[in-house]
Amino acid sequence: MAKFPRFTESDVTPESVFQQRRSVLKALGITAASLALPHAAQADLLSWFKGHDRPAAPAGKPLKFTQPAEYQAKLALTPEDKVTGYNNFYEFGLDKADPAANAGTLKTEGWKIRIDGEVAKPLTLDMDDIYKHFALEERIYRMRCVEAWSMVVPWIGFELGKLLKMAEPTSKARYVAFQTIYDPDNMPGQKDRFIGGGLKYPYIEGLRLDEAMHPLTMITTGVYGKALPPQNGAPLRLTVPWKYGFKGIKSIVSIRLTHDEPPTTWNASAPDEYGFYANVNPHVDHPRWSQASERFIGSGGILDVKRQPTLLFNGYAEQVAPLYQGMDLRKFF
């Protein structure tokens, strides 16, 4: 008899997303009775979720980059189609497939990023400036979602610390705040709270300054040898490999250095579930599921589920544990 994998709560759609979807259907008036609606009417109600008539995401252009040996981890990579086709970007919908289906509406032409706040030299850079000033590297990093699934991804980018140094942080700078572009006309989840998971937009995230300056922390411009596709946060996203994936804010337009800890989207929405630090820790569970193990997204099919132990700091403890010396990681989670 064939054996099927045993699924835990963390393998399924999180309850908050499931309830949010039920709210969407209820708000739209889609109930069992609505199945009696003409087919055309049902299609109109659900067209956004199916990604119909959305422009296709443009293909990423090939990038020039080096491959430093210390960042070429001997790990099995997650296939490219899963990295680009299975992710969270609630500005384009709640389902893992929604960003790939709907993010073609994201406009990246003329993109600019502003670095200001507690700095001596505020900067505004466009993508040509980025590519001119920063040599790109490919770094193979583990990626761990707070939902207890994981990937291994060949990101391309440069150290965030090099960008921050250009702006010359002042002695008052202790934190770094990031903001996603606010474009509700092209990011439907920002316009409709049901589509966008009930979050307050634009999406914001933050790091402590020493975390931001750590050599592992990257501004990412590409993946699998090409420029980031929209669903993965084109053209600039944050990658912090020892933290849960929601810290990796996408489509960044603003970086502000601050004296005080900045508010962050998920921490403000559910502070008991999503801490400011969000360090991967197998000993600190999410209130609704265990973080002791994770489901690795590899080359197998949907039923080919590989459970593996969660590593402290996602396997980067040797490099980053000194940042948290003396801190209670259950309190500062």
C-alpha atoms as a PDB file:
ATOM      1  CA  MET A   1       0.000   0.000   0.000  1.00  0.00           C
ATOM      2  CA  ALA A   2       1.341   3.435  -0.881  1.00  0.00           C
ATOM      3  CA  LYS A   3       2.378   5.585   2.051  1.00  0.00           C
ATOM      4  CA  PHE A   4       1.265   9.185   2.131  1.00  0.00           C
ATOM      5  CA  PRO A   5       3.043  11.890   4.146  1.00  0.00           C
ATOM      6  CA  ARG A   6       1.582  13.016   7.441  1.00  0.00           C
ATOM      7  CA  PHE A   7       0.780  16.684   7.404  1.00  0.00           C
ATOM      8  CA  THR A   8       0.854  18.966  10.426  1.00  0.00           C
ATOM      9  CA  GLU A   9      -0.863  22.301  10.918  1.00  0.00           C
ATOM     10  CA  SER A  10       2.132  24.127   9.504  1.00  0.00           C
ATOM     11  CA  ASP A  11       1.797  22.232   6.200  1.00  0.00           C
ATOM     12  CA  VAL A  12      -1.596  23.696   5.418  1.00  0.00           C
ATOM     13  CA  THR A  13      -2.893  27.160   4.728  1.00  0.00           C
ATOM     14  CA  PRO A  14      -2.548  29.202   7.942  1.00  0.00           C
ATOM     15  CA  GLU A  15      -5.841  29.686   9.763  1.00  0.00           C
ATOM     16  CA  SER A  16      -5.602  33.470   9.484  1.00  0.00           C
ATOM     17  CA  VAL A  17      -5.361  33.242   5.686  1.00  0.00           C
ATOM     18  CA  PHE A  18      -8.149  30.655   5.520  1.00  0.00           C
ATOM     19  CA  GLN A  19     -10.447  32.879   7.596  1.00  0.00           C
ATOM     20  CA  GLN A  20      -9.444  35.880   5.520  1.00  0.00           C
ATOM     21  CA  ARG A  21     -10.438  34.013   2.367  1.00  0.00           C
ATOM     22  CA  ARG A  22     -13.783  33.088   3.900  1.00  0.00           C
ATOM     23  CA  SER A  23     -14.299  36.770   4.677  1.00  0.00           C
ATOM     24  CA  VAL A  24     -13.509  37.651   1.074  1.00  0.00           C
ATOM     25  CA  LEU A  25     -16.084  35.195  -0.245  1.00  0.00           C
ATOM     26  CA  LYS A  26     -18.660  36.335   2.298  1.00  0.00           C
ATOM     27  CA  ALA A  27     -18.084  39.986   1.465  1.00  0.00           C
ATOM     28  CA  LEU A  28     -18.475  39.199  -2.209  1.00  0.00           C
ATOM     29  CA  GLY A  29     -21.660  37.307  -1.489  1.00  0.00           C
ATOM     30  CA  ILE A  30     -20.238  33.988  -2.635  1.00  0.00           C
ATOM     31  CA  THR A  31     -22.013  31.261  -0.681  1.00  0.00           C
ATOM     32  CA  ALA A  32     -23.333  27.849  -1.532  1.00  0.00           C
ATOM     33  CA  ALA A  33     -26.412  29.563  -2.898  1.00  0.00           C
ATOM     34  CA  SER A  34     -24.296  31.674  -5.218  1.00  0.00           C
ATOM     35  CA  LEU A  35     -23.432  28.563  -7.184  1.00  0.00           C
ATOM     36  CA  ALA A  36     -26.795  29.104  -8.830  1.00  0.00           C
ATOM     37  CA  LEU A  37     -25.465  32.334 -10.373  1.00  0.00           C
ATOM     38  CA  PRO A  38     -24.879  32.335 -14.120  1.00  0.00           C
ATOM     39  CA  HIS A  39     -21.413  31.112 -14.986  1.00  0.00           C
ATOM     40  CA  ALA A  40     -20.421  34.519 -16.341  1.00  0.00           C
ATOM     41  CA  ALA A  41     -21.308  36.193 -13.037  1.00  0.00           C
ATOM     42  CA  GLN A  42     -19.299  33.683 -11.027  1.00  0.00           C
ATOM     43  CA  ALA A  43     -16.335  34.173 -13.332  1.00  0.00           C
ATOM     44  CA  ASP A  44     -16.516  37.937 -12.864  1.00  0.00           C
ATOM     45  CA  LEU A  45     -16.529  37.625  -9.064  1.00  0.00           C
ATOM     46  CA  LEU A  46     -13.532  35.305  -9.004  1.00  0.00           C
ATOM     47  CA  SER A  47     -11.532  36.647 -11.934  1.00  0.00           C
ATOM     48  CA  TRP A  48      -9.027  38.508  -9.803  1.00  0.00           C
ATOM     49  CA  PHE A  49      -8.103  35.422  -7.794  1.00  0.00           C
ATOM     50  CA  LYS A  50      -7.598  33.380 -10.940  1.00  0.00           C
ATOM     51  CA  GLY A  51      -5.257  35.963 -12.408  1.00  0.00           C
ATOM     52  CA  HIS A  52      -7.282  36.343 -15.599  1.00  0.00           C
ATOM     53  CA  ASP A  53      -6.345  39.193 -17.933  1.00  0.00           C
ATOM     54  CA  ARG A  54      -3.296  40.121 -15.900  1.00  0.00           C
ATOM     55  CA  PRO A  55      -0.168  41.106 -17.856  1.00  0.00           C
ATOM     56  CA  ALA A  56       2.511  38.461 -17.761  1.00  0.00           C
ATOM     57  CA  ALA A  57       5.505  39.230 -15.560  1.00  0.00           C
ATOM     58  CA  PRO A  58       8.448  40.305 -17.742  1.00  0.00           C
ATOM     59  CA  ALA A  59      11.404  37.967 -18.005  1.00  0.00           C
ATOM     60  CA  GLY A  60      14.338  39.055 -15.893  1.00  0.00           C
ATOM     61  CA  LYS A  61      17.416  40.199 -17.783  1.00  0.00           C
ATOM     62  CA  PRO A  62      20.661  38.265 -17.209  1.00  0.00           C
ATOM     63  CA  LEU A  63      22.943  39.855 -14.604  1.00  0.00           C
ATOM     64  CA  LYS A  64      26.722  40.020 -14.300  1.00  0.00           C
ATOM     65  CA  PHE A  65      27.922  38.726 -10.951  1.00  0.00           C
ATOM     66  CA  THR A  66      30.684  36.882  -9.172  1.00  0.00           C
ATOM     67  CA  GLN A  67      30.316  33.706  -7.132  1.00  0.00           C
ATOM     68  CA  PRO A  68      32.424  34.039  -3.969  1.00  0.00           C
ATOM     69  CA  ALA A  69      33.384  30.568  -2.770  1.00  0.00           C
ATOM     70  CA  GLU A  70      32.350  31.234   0.834  1.00  0.00           C
ATOM     71  CA  TYR A  71      28.752  31.808  -0.276  1.00  0.00           C
ATOM     72  CA  GLN A  72      28.399  28.810  -2.610  1.00  0.00           C
ATOM     73  CA  ALA A  73      26.867  26.484  -0.032  1.00  0.00           C
ATOM     74  CA  LYS A  74      26.764  22.795  -0.922  1.00  0.00           C
ATOM     75  CA  LEU A  75      22.999  22.590  -0.552  1.00  0.00           C
ATOM     76  CA  ALA A  76      20.285  21.241  -2.829  1.00  0.00           C
ATOM     77  CA  LEU A  77      18.705  24.234  -4.549  1.00  0.00           C
ATOM     78  CA  THR A  78      14.983  24.741  -4.725  1.00  0.00           C
ATOM     79  CA  PRO A  79      13.999  24.652  -8.430  1.00  0.00           C
ATOM     80  CA  GLU A  80      13.642  28.048 -10.064  1.00  0.00           C
ATOM     81  CA  ASP A  81       9.982  27.555 -10.960  1.00  0.00           C
ATOM     82  CA  LYS A  82       9.155  27.012  -7.278  1.00  0.00           C
ATOM     83  CA  VAL A  83      11.185  29.996  -6.096  1.00  0.00           C
ATOM     84  CA  THR A  84       9.318  32.207  -8.561  1.00  0.00           C
ATOM     85  CA  GLY A  85       5.960  30.434  -8.322  1.00  0.00           C
ATOM     86  CA  TYR A  86       5.504  29.742  -4.598  1.00  0.00           C
ATOM     87  CA  ASN A  87       5.799  32.761  -2.352  1.00  0.00           C
ATOM     88  CA  ASN A  88       4.028  35.385  -0.272  1.00  0.00           C
ATOM     89  CA  PHE A  89       3.443  38.888  -1.614  1.00  0.00           C
ATOM     90  CA  TYR A  90       0.043  39.856  -0.230  1.00  0.00           C
ATOM     91  CA  GLU A  91      -0.095  42.998  -2.340  1.00  0.00           C
ATOM     92  CA  PHE A  92      -0.981  40.582  -5.152  1.00  0.00           C
ATOM     93  CA  GLY A  93      -3.121  38.072  -3.264  1.00  0.00           C
ATOM     94  CA  LEU A  94      -3.087  35.589  -0.409  1.00  0.00           C
ATOM     95  CA  ASP A  95      -2.429  32.347  -2.250  1.00  0.00           C
ATOM     96  CA  LYS A  96       1.145  31.201  -2.867  1.00  0.00           C
ATOM     97  CA  ALA A  97       0.469  31.208  -6.616  1.00  0.00           C
ATOM     98  CA  ASP A  98      -1.167  34.660  -6.684  1.00  0.00           C
ATOM     99  CA  PRO A  99       2.034  36.749  -6.924  1.00  0.00           C
ATOM    100  CA  ALA A 100       3.270  34.889 -10.008  1.00  0.00           C
ATOM    101  CA  ALA A 101      -0.180  35.201 -11.609  1.00  0.00           C
ATOM    102  CA  ASN A 102      -0.803  38.846 -10.749  1.00  0.00           C
ATOM    103  CA  ALA A 103       2.462  40.729 -10.172  1.00  0.00           C
ATOM    104  CA  GLY A 104       2.894  41.572 -13.840  1.00  0.00           C
ATOM    105  CA  THR A 105       1.077  44.809 -13.024  1.00  0.00           C
ATOM    106  CA  LEU A 106       4.047  46.028 -10.937  1.00  0.00           C
ATOM    107  CA  LYS A 107       5.691  49.003 -12.636  1.00  0.00           C
ATOM    108  CA  THR A 108       9.475  49.107 -12.186  1.00  0.00           C
ATOM    109  CA  GLU A 109      10.502  51.558 -14.909  1.00  0.00           C
ATOM    110  CA  GLY A 110      12.351  54.560 -13.488  1.00  0.00           C
ATOM    111  CA  TRP A 111      12.601  52.932 -10.051  1.00  0.00           C
ATOM    112  CA  LYS A 112      14.284  54.998  -7.344  1.00  0.00           C
ATOM    113  CA  ILE A 113      15.253  54.244  -3.767  1.00  0.00           C
ATOM    114  CA  ARG A 114      15.727  56.910  -1.084  1.00  0.00           C
ATOM    115  CA  ILE A 115      18.110  56.546   1.888  1.00  0.00           C
ATOM    116  CA  ASP A 116      17.604  59.212   4.552  1.00  0.00           C
ATOM    117  CA  GLY A 117      16.901  59.840   8.223  1.00  0.00           C
ATOM    118  CA  GLU A 118      19.837  59.773  10.642  1.00  0.00           C
ATOM    119  CA  VAL A 119      22.477  60.058   7.922  1.00  0.00           C
ATOM    120  CA  ALA A 120      24.960  62.753   6.959  1.00  0.00           C
ATOM    121  CA  LYS A 121      24.441  62.264   3.219  1.00  0.00           C
ATOM    122  CA  PRO A 122      20.879  61.406   2.153  1.00  0.00           C
ATOM    123  CA  LEU A 123      20.798  59.617  -1.191  1.00  0.00           C
ATOM    124  CA  THR A 124      18.359  58.915  -3.989  1.00  0.00           C
ATOM    125  CA  LEU A 125      19.539  56.234  -6.405  1.00  0.00           C
ATOM    126  CA  ASP A 126      18.038  54.713  -9.524  1.00  0.00           C
ATOM    127  CA  MET A 127      18.812  51.222 -10.761  1.00  0.00           C
ATOM    128  CA  ASP A 128      21.604  52.458 -13.041  1.00  0.00           C
ATOM    129  CA  ASP A 129      23.239  53.980  -9.948  1.00  0.00           C
ATOM    130  CA  ILE A 130      22.831  50.710  -8.077  1.00  0.00           C
ATOM    131  CA  TYR A 131      24.505  48.666 -10.795  1.00  0.00           C
ATOM    132  CA  LYS A 132      27.257  51.283 -11.192  1.00  0.00           C
ATOM    133  CA  HIS A 133      28.203  51.495  -7.517  1.00  0.00           C
ATOM    134  CA  PHE A 134      27.790  47.911  -6.315  1.00  0.00           C
ATOM    135  CA  ALA A 135      29.366  44.762  -7.709  1.00  0.00           C
ATOM    136  CA  LEU A 136      26.857  41.925  -7.617  1.00  0.00           C
ATOM    137  CA  GLU A 137      27.478  38.545  -5.998  1.00  0.00           C
ATOM    138  CA  GLU A 138      25.570  35.294  -6.069  1.00  0.00           C
ATOM    139  CA  ARG A 139      24.979  33.909  -2.599  1.00  0.00           C
ATOM    140  CA  ILE A 140      23.266  30.611  -1.942  1.00  0.00           C
ATOM    141  CA  TYR A 141      21.220  31.083   1.224  1.00  0.00           C
ATOM    142  CA  ARG A 142      18.732  29.034   3.164  1.00  0.00           C
ATOM    143  CA  MET A 143      15.334  30.748   3.326  1.00  0.00           C
ATOM    144  CA  ARG A 144      12.877  29.882   6.115  1.00  0.00           C
ATOM    145  CA  CYS A 145       9.269  31.097   6.108  1.00  0.00           C
ATOM    146  CA  VAL A 146       7.508  31.663   9.421  1.00  0.00           C
ATOM    147  CA  GLU A 147       4.848  29.259   8.109  1.00  0.00           C
ATOM    148  CA  ALA A 148       7.400  26.415   8.546  1.00  0.00           C
ATOM    149  CA  TRP A 149       8.374  25.845   4.929  1.00  0.00           C
ATOM    150  CA  SER A 150      11.849  26.484   3.586  1.00  0.00           C
ATOM    151  CA  MET A 151      13.881  26.821   0.402  1.00  0.00           C
ATOM    152  CA  VAL A 152      17.494  27.162  -0.707  1.00  0.00           C
ATOM    153  CA  VAL A 153      17.860  30.082  -3.091  1.00  0.00           C
ATOM    154  CA  PRO A 154      20.741  31.511  -5.198  1.00  0.00           C
ATOM    155  CA  TRP A 155      20.160  35.214  -4.580  1.00  0.00           C
ATOM    156  CA  ILE A 156      22.142  37.899  -6.428  1.00  0.00           C
ATOM    157  CA  GLY A 157      22.884  41.249  -4.841  1.00  0.00           C
ATOM    158  CA  PHE A 158      25.260  43.143  -2.587  1.00  0.00           C
ATOM    159  CA  GLU A 159      25.761  43.839   1.087  1.00  0.00           C
ATOM    160  CA  LEU A 160      23.256  46.317   2.499  1.00  0.00           C
ATOM    161  CA  GLY A 161      26.016  47.708   4.701  1.00  0.00           C
ATOM    162  CA  LYS A 162      27.839  49.074   1.654  1.00  0.00           C
ATOM    163  CA  LEU A 163      24.761  51.072   0.664  1.00  0.00           C
ATOM    164  CA  LEU A 164      24.248  52.401   4.189  1.00  0.00           C
ATOM    165  CA  LYS A 165      27.886  53.475   4.454  1.00  0.00           C
ATOM    166  CA  MET A 166      27.431  55.654   1.365  1.00  0.00           C
ATOM    167  CA  ALA A 167      24.815  57.647   3.296  1.00  0.00           C
ATOM    168  CA  GLU A 168      27.096  57.941   6.358  1.00  0.00           C
ATOM    169  CA  PRO A 169      24.913  56.998   9.360  1.00  0.00           C
ATOM    170  CA  THR A 170      25.162  59.428  12.235  1.00  0.00           C
ATOM    171  CA  SER A 171      25.766  58.532  15.873  1.00  0.00           C
ATOM    172  CA  LYS A 172      22.003  58.746  16.451  1.00  0.00           C
ATOM    173  CA  ALA A 173      21.232  55.904  14.037  1.00  0.00           C
ATOM    174  CA  ARG A 174      20.284  52.671  15.808  1.00  0.00           C
ATOM    175  CA  TYR A 175      17.681  51.095  13.497  1.00  0.00           C
ATOM    176  CA  VAL A 176      16.901  50.856   9.796  1.00  0.00           C
ATOM    177  CA  ALA A 177      13.329  51.067   8.470  1.00  0.00           C
ATOM    178  CA  PHE A 178      12.323  49.842   5.004  1.00  0.00           C
ATOM    179  CA  GLN A 179       9.201  50.578   2.979  1.00  0.00           C
ATOM    180  CA  THR A 180       7.652  48.874  -0.048  1.00  0.00           C
ATOM    181  CA  ILE A 181       6.299  50.981  -2.895  1.00  0.00           C
ATOM    182  CA  TYR A 182       2.723  52.175  -2.375  1.00  0.00           C
ATOM    183  CA  ASP A 183       0.901  51.753  -5.675  1.00  0.00           C
ATOM    184  CA  PRO A 184      -2.692  50.616  -5.075  1.00  0.00           C
ATOM    185  CA  ASP A 185      -3.643  51.039  -8.727  1.00  0.00           C
ATOM    186  CA  ASN A 186      -1.191  48.309  -9.694  1.00  0.00           C
ATOM    187  CA  MET A 187      -1.025  46.354  -6.424  1.00  0.00           C
ATOM    188  CA  PRO A 188      -4.625  45.320  -5.734  1.00  0.00           C
ATOM    189  CA  GLY A 189      -3.931  44.046  -2.235  1.00  0.00           C
ATOM    190  CA  GLN A 190      -3.069  47.574  -1.142  1.00  0.00           C
ATOM    191  CA  LYS A 191      -6.438  48.841  -2.340  1.00  0.00           C
ATOM    192  CA  ASP A 192      -8.653  46.055  -0.996  1.00  0.00           C
ATOM    193  CA  ARG A 193      -8.148  44.811   2.562  1.00  0.00           C
ATOM    194  CA  PHE A 194      -9.643  41.421   1.737  1.00  0.00           C
ATOM    195  CA  ILE A 195      -7.313  40.806  -1.174  1.00  0.00           C
ATOM    196  CA  GLY A 196      -4.354  42.110   0.851  1.00  0.00           C
ATOM    197  CA  GLY A 197      -4.930  40.062   3.986  1.00  0.00           C
ATOM    198  CA  GLY A 198      -6.244  42.926   6.104  1.00  0.00           C
ATOM    199  CA  LEU A 199      -2.789  44.455   6.520  1.00  0.00           C
ATOM    200  CA  LYS A 200      -2.052  48.163   6.645  1.00  0.00           C
ATOM    201  CA  TYR A 201      -0.045  49.284   3.620  1.00  0.00           C
ATOM    202  CA  PRO A 202       2.521  50.224   2.485  1.00  0.00           C
ATOM    203  CA  TYR A 203       4.443  47.255   3.898  1.00  0.00           C
ATOM    204  CA  ILE A 204       7.193  48.270   6.317  1.00  0.00           C
ATOM    205  CA  GLU A 205      10.001  46.329   7.980  1.00  0.00           C
ATOM    206  CA  GLY A 206      12.973  47.072  10.170  1.00  0.00           C
ATOM    207  CA  LEU A 207      16.309  45.872  11.476  1.00  0.00           C
ATOM    208  CA  ARG A 208      18.638  46.942  14.195  1.00  0.00           C
ATOM    209  CA  LEU A 209      21.582  48.817  12.664  1.00  0.00           C
ATOM    210  CA  ASP A 210      24.128  46.133  13.546  1.00  0.00           C
ATOM    211  CA  GLU A 211      21.898  43.517  11.879  1.00  0.00           C
ATOM    212  CA  ALA A 212      21.631  45.685   8.773  1.00  0.00           C
ATOM    213  CA  MET A 213      25.398  46.167   8.654  1.00  0.00           C
ATOM    214  CA  HIS A 214      26.139  42.452   9.043  1.00  0.00           C
ATOM    215  CA  PRO A 215      27.923  41.009   5.978  1.00  0.00           C
ATOM    216  CA  LEU A 216      25.205  38.374   5.438  1.00  0.00           C
ATOM    217  CA  THR A 217      22.464  40.996   5.012  1.00  0.00           C
ATOM    218  CA  MET A 218      21.832  41.723   1.336  1.00  0.00           C
ATOM    219  CA  ILE A 219      19.984  44.037  -0.941  1.00  0.00           C
ATOM    220  CA  THR A 220      18.904  41.538  -3.574  1.00  0.00           C
ATOM    221  CA  THR A 221      18.460  42.406  -7.242  1.00  0.00           C
ATOM    222  CA  GLY A 222      18.286  38.952  -8.820  1.00  0.00           C
ATOM    223  CA  VAL A 223      17.757  35.230  -8.504  1.00  0.00           C
ATOM    224  CA  TYR A 224      18.892  32.292 -10.625  1.00  0.00           C
ATOM    225  CA  GLY A 225      21.207  34.500 -12.664  1.00  0.00           C
ATOM    226  CA  LYS A 226      18.555  37.016 -13.710  1.00  0.00           C
ATOM    227  CA  ALA A 227      16.968  40.199 -12.414  1.00  0.00           C
ATOM    228  CA  LEU A 228      14.243  39.606  -9.839  1.00  0.00           C
ATOM    229  CA  PRO A 229      10.800  38.911 -11.289  1.00  0.00           C
ATOM    230  CA  PRO A 230       8.008  41.081  -9.862  1.00  0.00           C
ATOM    231  CA  GLN A 231       6.583  38.306  -7.693  1.00  0.00           C
ATOM    232  CA  ASN A 232       9.919  37.991  -5.892  1.00  0.00           C
ATOM    233  CA  GLY A 233      10.152  41.700  -5.122  1.00  0.00           C
ATOM    234  CA  ALA A 234      11.591  43.427  -8.185  1.00  0.00           C
ATOM    235  CA  PRO A 235      13.703  45.362  -8.499  1.00  0.00           C
ATOM    236  CA  LEU A 236      15.106  45.521  -4.926  1.00  0.00           C
ATOM    237  CA  ARG A 237      14.341  43.356  -1.910  1.00  0.00           C
ATOM    238  CA  LEU A 238      15.944  42.632   1.444  1.00  0.00           C
ATOM    239  CA  THR A 239      17.478  39.245   2.260  1.00  0.00           C
ATOM    240  CA  VAL A 240      18.365  38.406   5.867  1.00  0.00           C
ATOM    241  CA  PRO A 241      18.977  34.650   5.872  1.00  0.00           C
ATOM    242  CA  TRP A 242      18.846  34.020   9.627  1.00  0.00           C
ATOM    243  CA  LYS A 243      15.398  35.598   9.997  1.00  0.00           C
ATOM    244  CA  TYR A 244      11.938  34.429   8.958  1.00  0.00           C
ATOM    245  CA  GLY A 245      11.020  35.303   5.406  1.00  0.00           C
ATOM    246  CA  PHE A 246       8.518  38.058   6.193  1.00  0.00           C
ATOM    247  CA  LYS A 247      11.477  40.242   7.209  1.00  0.00           C
ATOM    248  CA  GLY A 248      12.615  40.113   3.573  1.00  0.00           C
ATOM    249  CA  ILE A 249      10.615  43.131   2.426  1.00  0.00           C
ATOM    250  CA  LYS A 250      10.063  43.343  -1.331  1.00  0.00           C
ATOM    251  CA  SER A 251      10.053  46.171  -3.892  1.00  0.00           C
ATOM    252  CA  ILE A 252      11.803  48.658  -1.606  1.00  0.00           C
ATOM    253  CA  VAL A 253      11.591  52.394  -2.315  1.00  0.00           C
ATOM    254  CA  SER A 254      12.673  53.830   1.038  1.00  0.00           C
ATOM    255  CA  ILE A 255      15.354  53.098   3.617  1.00  0.00           C
ATOM    256  CA  ARG A 256      15.325  55.360   6.667  1.00  0.00           C
ATOM    257  CA  LEU A 257      17.782  55.247   9.541  1.00  0.00           C
ATOM    258  CA  THR A 258      16.169  55.989  12.887  1.00  0.00           C
ATOM    259  CA  HIS A 259      17.034  56.349  16.559  1.00  0.00           C
ATOM    260  CA  ASP A 260      13.958  54.477  17.781  1.00  0.00           C
ATOM    261  CA  GLU A 261      12.746  51.000  16.852  1.00  0.00           C
ATOM    262  CA  PRO A 262      10.464  51.434  13.838  1.00  0.00           C
ATOM    263  CA  PRO A 263       7.008  49.867  13.642  1.00  0.00           C
ATOM    264  CA  THR A 264       6.782  46.906  11.265  1.00  0.00           C
ATOM    265  CA  THR A 265       3.781  45.571   9.396  1.00  0.00           C
ATOM    266  CA  TRP A 266       3.381  42.081  10.839  1.00  0.00           C
ATOM    267  CA  ASN A 267       4.500  43.061  14.329  1.00  0.00           C
ATOM    268  CA  ALA A 268       1.896  45.834  14.372  1.00  0.00           C
ATOM    269  CA  SER A 269      -0.775  43.497  12.996  1.00  0.00           C
ATOM    270  CA  ALA A 270      -0.170  40.554  15.375  1.00  0.00           C
ATOM    271  CA  PRO A 271       2.549  41.311  17.948  1.00  0.00           C
ATOM    272  CA  ASP A 272       1.984  38.056  19.848  1.00  0.00           C
ATOM    273  CA  GLU A 273       2.710  36.049  16.703  1.00  0.00           C
ATOM    274  CA  TYR A 274       5.314  38.093  14.799  1.00  0.00           C
ATOM    275  CA  GLY A 275       8.101  39.679  16.791  1.00  0.00           C
ATOM    276  CA  PHE A 276      10.298  42.534  15.634  1.00  0.00           C
ATOM    277  CA  TYR A 277      13.401  40.331  15.538  1.00  0.00           C
ATOM    278  CA  ALA A 278      11.844  37.236  13.896  1.00  0.00           C
ATOM    279  CA  ASN A 279      15.033  35.206  14.242  1.00  0.00           C
ATOM    280  CA  VAL A 280      14.608  31.583  13.179  1.00  0.00           C
ATOM    281  CA  ASN A 281      14.485  29.617  16.423  1.00  0.00           C
ATOM    282  CA  PRO A 282      13.336  25.983  16.739  1.00  0.00           C
ATOM    283  CA  HIS A 283      12.800  26.488  20.473  1.00  0.00           C
ATOM    284  CA  VAL A 284      10.248  29.317  20.133  1.00  0.00           C
ATOM    285  CA  ASP A 285       7.020  28.140  18.512  1.00  0.00           C
ATOM    286  CA  HIS A 286       4.479  30.200  16.654  1.00  0.00           C
ATOM    287  CA  PRO A 287       1.313  30.277  18.810  1.00  0.00           C
ATOM    288  CA  ARG A 288      -0.451  28.081  16.237  1.00  0.00           C
ATOM    289  CA  TRP A 289       2.278  25.658  15.150  1.00  0.00           C
ATOM    290  CA  SER A 290       5.660  24.250  16.055  1.00  0.00           C
ATOM    291  CA  GLN A 291       8.836  25.738  14.642  1.00  0.00           C
ATOM    292  CA  ALA A 292      10.948  22.703  15.551  1.00  0.00           C
ATOM    293  CA  SER A 293      10.852  21.347  12.000  1.00  0.00           C
ATOM    294  CA  GLU A 294      10.221  22.671   8.514  1.00  0.00           C
ATOM    295  CA  ARG A 295       8.934  21.485   5.142  1.00  0.00           C
ATOM    296  CA  PHE A 296      11.663  21.871   2.536  1.00  0.00           C
ATOM    297  CA  ILE A 297      10.448  22.902  -0.907  1.00  0.00           C
ATOM    298  CA  GLY A 298      12.633  20.813  -3.183  1.00  0.00           C
ATOM    299  CA  SER A 299      12.367  19.211  -6.580  1.00  0.00           C
ATOM    300  CA  GLY A 300       9.627  16.725  -5.673  1.00  0.00           C
ATOM    301  CA  GLY A 301       5.900  16.969  -6.256  1.00  0.00           C
ATOM    302  CA  ILE A 302       3.271  18.323  -3.893  1.00  0.00           C
ATOM    303  CA  LEU A 303       3.077  15.059  -1.949  1.00  0.00           C
ATOM    304  CA  ASP A 304       6.846  14.658  -1.810  1.00  0.00           C
ATOM    305  CA  VAL A 305       7.143  16.416   1.535  1.00  0.00           C
ATOM    306  CA  LYS A 306      10.531  16.437   3.235  1.00  0.00           C
ATOM    307  CA  ARG A 307      10.485  17.360   6.898  1.00  0.00           C
ATOM    308  CA  GLN A 308      13.768  18.432   8.399  1.00  0.00           C
ATOM    309  CA  PRO A 309      14.856  19.962  11.715  1.00  0.00           C
ATOM    310  CA  THR A 310      14.832  23.738  11.962  1.00  0.00           C
ATOM    311  CA  LEU A 311      18.315  25.131  12.615  1.00  0.00           C
ATOM    312  CA  LEU A 312      18.918  27.907  15.134  1.00  0.00           C
ATOM    313  CA  PHE A 313      19.314  31.177  13.233  1.00  0.00           C
ATOM    314  CA  ASN A 314      18.497  29.084  10.136  1.00  0.00           C
ATOM    315  CA  GLY A 315      21.990  27.564  10.214  1.00  0.00           C
ATOM    316  CA  TYR A 316      23.855  30.865  10.528  1.00  0.00           C
ATOM    317  CA  ALA A 317      24.385  30.813  14.298  1.00  0.00           C
ATOM    318  CA  GLU A 318      28.171  30.863  14.036  1.00  0.00           C
ATOM    319  CA  GLN A 319      28.051  34.137  12.126  1.00  0.00           C
ATOM    320  CA  VAL A 320      25.197  35.974  13.853  1.00  0.00           C
ATOM    321  CA  ALA A 321      24.721  34.642  17.392  1.00  0.00           C
ATOM    322  CA  PRO A 322      27.115  37.292  18.818  1.00  0.00           C
ATOM    323  CA  LEU A 323      24.590  39.966  17.769  1.00  0.00           C
ATOM    324  CA  TYR A 324      22.197  38.665  20.428  1.00  0.00           C
ATOM    325  CA  GLN A 325      24.572  37.860  23.264  1.00  0.00           C
ATOM    326  CA  GLY A 326      22.799  38.340  26.589  1.00  0.00           C
ATOM    327  CA  MET A 327      19.355  38.744  25.013  1.00  0.00           C
ATOM    328  CA  ASP A 328      16.370  36.619  26.016  1.00  0.00           C
ATOM    329  CA  LEU A 329      15.404  35.150  22.639  1.00  0.00           C
ATOM    330  CA  ARG A 330      11.974  34.166  23.940  1.00  0.00           C
ATOM    331  CA  LYS A 331      11.222  37.753  24.895  1.00  0.00           C
ATOM    332  CA  PHE A 332      12.903  39.293  21.853  1.00  0.00           C
ATOM    333  CA  PHE A 333      11.479  36.849  19.316  1.00  0.00           C
END
